[in-house]
Amino acid sequence: MRQAYTRRRTETLDYMQSMLGQLRTMAEAERCDMLAYLVEMAYLEVSDIIRGERPARVQQSGRRDVA
C-alpha cells in the first residue's frame, strides 16, 4: 500500500515538473520575465522535493492562518 502511494506521488511530481518546464518556456517566449522566474522557482522546488532535499510541507511554527 505504501509503495503504491510513493509511486503515485513520484509520478505526480514528475508530471508537475514537466508541466512547469513547459510553462517556463512559454513565459520566456512571451517575454514575461517575472512569470518565467516564478515558474522556474516552482520547477526547482519540485526538483528538490523529488530528490528528497526539501520536505513537501513547510512547518508553520508560531504562525496563525488568517481567514
N, C-alpha and C. Protein backbone atom coordinates (compact mmCIF):
# COMPACT_ATOMS: atom_id res chain seq x y z
N MET A 1 0.83 -1.19 0.00
CA MET A 1 0.00 0.00 0.00
C MET A 1 0.87 1.26 0.00
N ARG A 2 1.87 1.30 0.87
CA ARG A 2 2.77 2.46 0.96
C ARG A 2 3.56 2.62 -0.34
N GLN A 3 3.95 1.51 -0.94
CA GLN A 3 4.71 1.55 -2.18
C GLN A 3 3.88 2.15 -3.32
N ALA A 4 2.59 1.83 -3.36
CA ALA A 4 1.70 2.39 -4.38
C ALA A 4 1.57 3.90 -4.20
N TYR A 5 1.46 4.35 -2.95
CA TYR A 5 1.38 5.79 -2.68
C TYR A 5 2.65 6.49 -3.13
N THR A 6 3.80 5.91 -2.79
CA THR A 6 5.08 6.50 -3.15
C THR A 6 5.23 6.59 -4.66
N ARG A 7 4.82 5.55 -5.36
CA ARG A 7 4.92 5.55 -6.82
C ARG A 7 4.00 6.61 -7.44
N ARG A 8 2.78 6.68 -6.95
CA ARG A 8 1.82 7.67 -7.46
C ARG A 8 2.32 9.08 -7.19
N ARG A 9 2.86 9.31 -6.01
CA ARG A 9 3.38 10.63 -5.64
C ARG A 9 4.54 11.01 -6.55
N THR A 10 5.44 10.08 -6.79
CA THR A 10 6.58 10.34 -7.67
C THR A 10 6.11 10.65 -9.09
N GLU A 11 5.14 9.91 -9.57
CA GLU A 11 4.60 10.16 -10.91
C GLU A 11 3.95 11.54 -10.98
N THR A 12 3.22 11.90 -9.94
CA THR A 12 2.57 13.22 -9.90
C THR A 12 3.61 14.34 -9.90
N LEU A 13 4.64 14.20 -9.08
CA LEU A 13 5.69 15.22 -9.03
C LEU A 13 6.44 15.32 -10.35
N ASP A 14 6.70 14.19 -10.98
CA ASP A 14 7.36 14.20 -12.30
C ASP A 14 6.50 14.93 -13.33
N TYR A 15 5.20 14.69 -13.29
CA TYR A 15 4.27 15.35 -14.21
C TYR A 15 4.26 16.86 -13.95
N MET A 16 4.19 17.24 -12.68
CA MET A 16 4.20 18.66 -12.34
C MET A 16 5.48 19.33 -12.83
N GLN A 17 6.61 18.66 -12.65
CA GLN A 17 7.88 19.21 -13.10
C GLN A 17 7.88 19.40 -14.62
N SER A 18 7.35 18.45 -15.33
CA SER A 18 7.27 18.55 -16.79
C SER A 18 6.40 19.72 -17.21
N MET A 19 5.24 19.86 -16.58
CA MET A 19 4.34 20.96 -16.92
C MET A 19 4.97 22.31 -16.59
N LEU A 20 5.64 22.40 -15.46
CA LEU A 20 6.30 23.65 -15.08
C LEU A 20 7.39 24.02 -16.07
N GLY A 21 8.12 23.02 -16.56
CA GLY A 21 9.14 23.28 -17.57
C GLY A 21 8.53 23.86 -18.84
N GLN A 22 7.39 23.32 -19.24
CA GLN A 22 6.71 23.83 -20.42
C GLN A 22 6.16 25.24 -20.19
N LEU A 23 5.61 25.48 -19.01
CA LEU A 23 5.10 26.82 -18.69
C LEU A 23 6.23 27.85 -18.66
N ARG A 24 7.38 27.45 -18.13
CA ARG A 24 8.52 28.36 -18.11
C ARG A 24 8.94 28.73 -19.53
N THR A 25 8.99 27.75 -20.41
CA THR A 25 9.34 28.00 -21.81
C THR A 25 8.34 28.95 -22.46
N MET A 26 7.07 28.75 -22.20
CA MET A 26 6.03 29.62 -22.75
C MET A 26 6.16 31.04 -22.22
N ALA A 27 6.41 31.18 -20.92
CA ALA A 27 6.56 32.51 -20.32
C ALA A 27 7.78 33.23 -20.90
N GLU A 28 8.87 32.51 -21.09
CA GLU A 28 10.06 33.10 -21.68
C GLU A 28 9.79 33.54 -23.12
N ALA A 29 9.07 32.72 -23.87
CA ALA A 29 8.76 33.05 -25.27
C ALA A 29 7.92 34.31 -25.37
N GLU A 30 7.09 34.55 -24.37
CA GLU A 30 6.23 35.75 -24.35
C GLU A 30 6.90 36.92 -23.63
N ARG A 31 8.15 36.75 -23.26
CA ARG A 31 8.93 37.77 -22.57
C ARG A 31 8.30 38.23 -21.26
N CYS A 32 7.73 37.28 -20.56
CA CYS A 32 7.15 37.54 -19.24
C CYS A 32 8.19 37.11 -18.20
N ASP A 33 9.16 38.00 -17.98
CA ASP A 33 10.32 37.65 -17.17
C ASP A 33 9.99 37.26 -15.74
N MET A 34 9.15 38.03 -15.09
CA MET A 34 8.81 37.73 -13.70
C MET A 34 8.05 36.42 -13.60
N LEU A 35 7.12 36.20 -14.51
CA LEU A 35 6.37 34.95 -14.52
C LEU A 35 7.30 33.77 -14.78
N ALA A 36 8.20 33.91 -15.73
CA ALA A 36 9.17 32.85 -16.02
C ALA A 36 10.02 32.54 -14.80
N TYR A 37 10.42 33.59 -14.08
CA TYR A 37 11.21 33.41 -12.87
C TYR A 37 10.44 32.64 -11.80
N LEU A 38 9.19 33.03 -11.57
CA LEU A 38 8.39 32.37 -10.54
C LEU A 38 8.12 30.90 -10.89
N VAL A 39 7.85 30.65 -12.15
CA VAL A 39 7.63 29.26 -12.58
C VAL A 39 8.93 28.46 -12.42
N GLU A 40 10.07 29.09 -12.73
CA GLU A 40 11.36 28.43 -12.54
C GLU A 40 11.59 28.07 -11.07
N MET A 41 11.20 28.97 -10.16
CA MET A 41 11.34 28.68 -8.73
C MET A 41 10.48 27.48 -8.34
N ALA A 42 9.27 27.40 -8.87
CA ALA A 42 8.40 26.25 -8.60
C ALA A 42 9.02 24.97 -9.18
N TYR A 43 9.60 25.08 -10.37
CA TYR A 43 10.27 23.94 -11.01
C TYR A 43 11.41 23.44 -10.13
N LEU A 44 12.21 24.35 -9.62
CA LEU A 44 13.33 23.96 -8.75
C LEU A 44 12.84 23.36 -7.44
N GLU A 45 11.74 23.89 -6.92
CA GLU A 45 11.16 23.36 -5.68
C GLU A 45 10.73 21.90 -5.87
N VAL A 46 10.06 21.62 -6.98
CA VAL A 46 9.65 20.24 -7.27
C VAL A 46 10.87 19.35 -7.41
N SER A 47 11.90 19.85 -8.07
CA SER A 47 13.13 19.07 -8.24
C SER A 47 13.72 18.70 -6.88
N ASP A 48 13.76 19.68 -5.96
CA ASP A 48 14.29 19.42 -4.62
C ASP A 48 13.44 18.39 -3.88
N ILE A 49 12.14 18.48 -4.00
CA ILE A 49 11.25 17.52 -3.34
C ILE A 49 11.47 16.12 -3.89
N ILE A 50 11.59 16.00 -5.21
CA ILE A 50 11.81 14.70 -5.84
C ILE A 50 13.10 14.08 -5.32
N ARG A 51 14.15 14.89 -5.21
CA ARG A 51 15.45 14.38 -4.76
C ARG A 51 15.51 14.18 -3.25
N GLY A 52 14.48 14.61 -2.54
CA GLY A 52 14.45 14.45 -1.09
C GLY A 52 15.25 15.50 -0.35
N GLU A 53 15.61 16.59 -1.03
CA GLU A 53 16.39 17.64 -0.40
C GLU A 53 15.53 18.68 0.31
N ARG A 54 14.24 18.61 0.12
CA ARG A 54 13.33 19.57 0.75
C ARG A 54 12.02 18.84 1.06
N PRO A 55 11.44 19.10 2.23
CA PRO A 55 10.16 18.46 2.54
C PRO A 55 9.04 19.04 1.68
N ALA A 56 8.02 18.24 1.45
CA ALA A 56 6.88 18.69 0.65
C ALA A 56 6.07 19.75 1.40
N ARG A 57 6.10 19.70 2.71
CA ARG A 57 5.36 20.67 3.53
C ARG A 57 6.33 21.46 4.37
N VAL A 58 6.02 22.70 4.58
CA VAL A 58 6.83 23.58 5.41
C VAL A 58 6.11 23.77 6.74
N GLN A 59 6.83 23.56 7.83
CA GLN A 59 6.23 23.74 9.15
C GLN A 59 5.95 25.21 9.37
N GLN A 60 4.80 25.50 9.95
CA GLN A 60 4.42 26.88 10.24
C GLN A 60 4.37 27.09 11.74
N SER A 61 5.53 27.12 12.37
CA SER A 61 5.56 27.28 13.82
C SER A 61 5.26 28.73 14.19
N GLY A 62 4.35 28.90 15.13
CA GLY A 62 4.02 30.22 15.63
C GLY A 62 3.25 31.10 14.66
N ARG A 63 2.76 30.55 13.60
CA ARG A 63 2.02 31.34 12.60
C ARG A 63 0.57 30.91 12.59
N ARG A 64 -0.32 31.87 12.56
CA ARG A 64 -1.76 31.57 12.53
C ARG A 64 -2.30 31.81 11.14
N ASP A 65 -3.23 30.97 10.74
CA ASP A 65 -3.92 31.19 9.47
C ASP A 65 -4.93 32.30 9.64
N VAL A 66 -4.96 33.23 8.72
CA VAL A 66 -5.88 34.34 8.77
C VAL A 66 -6.99 34.07 7.77
N ALA A 67 -8.22 34.14 8.24
CA ALA A 67 -9.35 33.87 7.36
C ALA A 67 -9.93 35.14 6.80
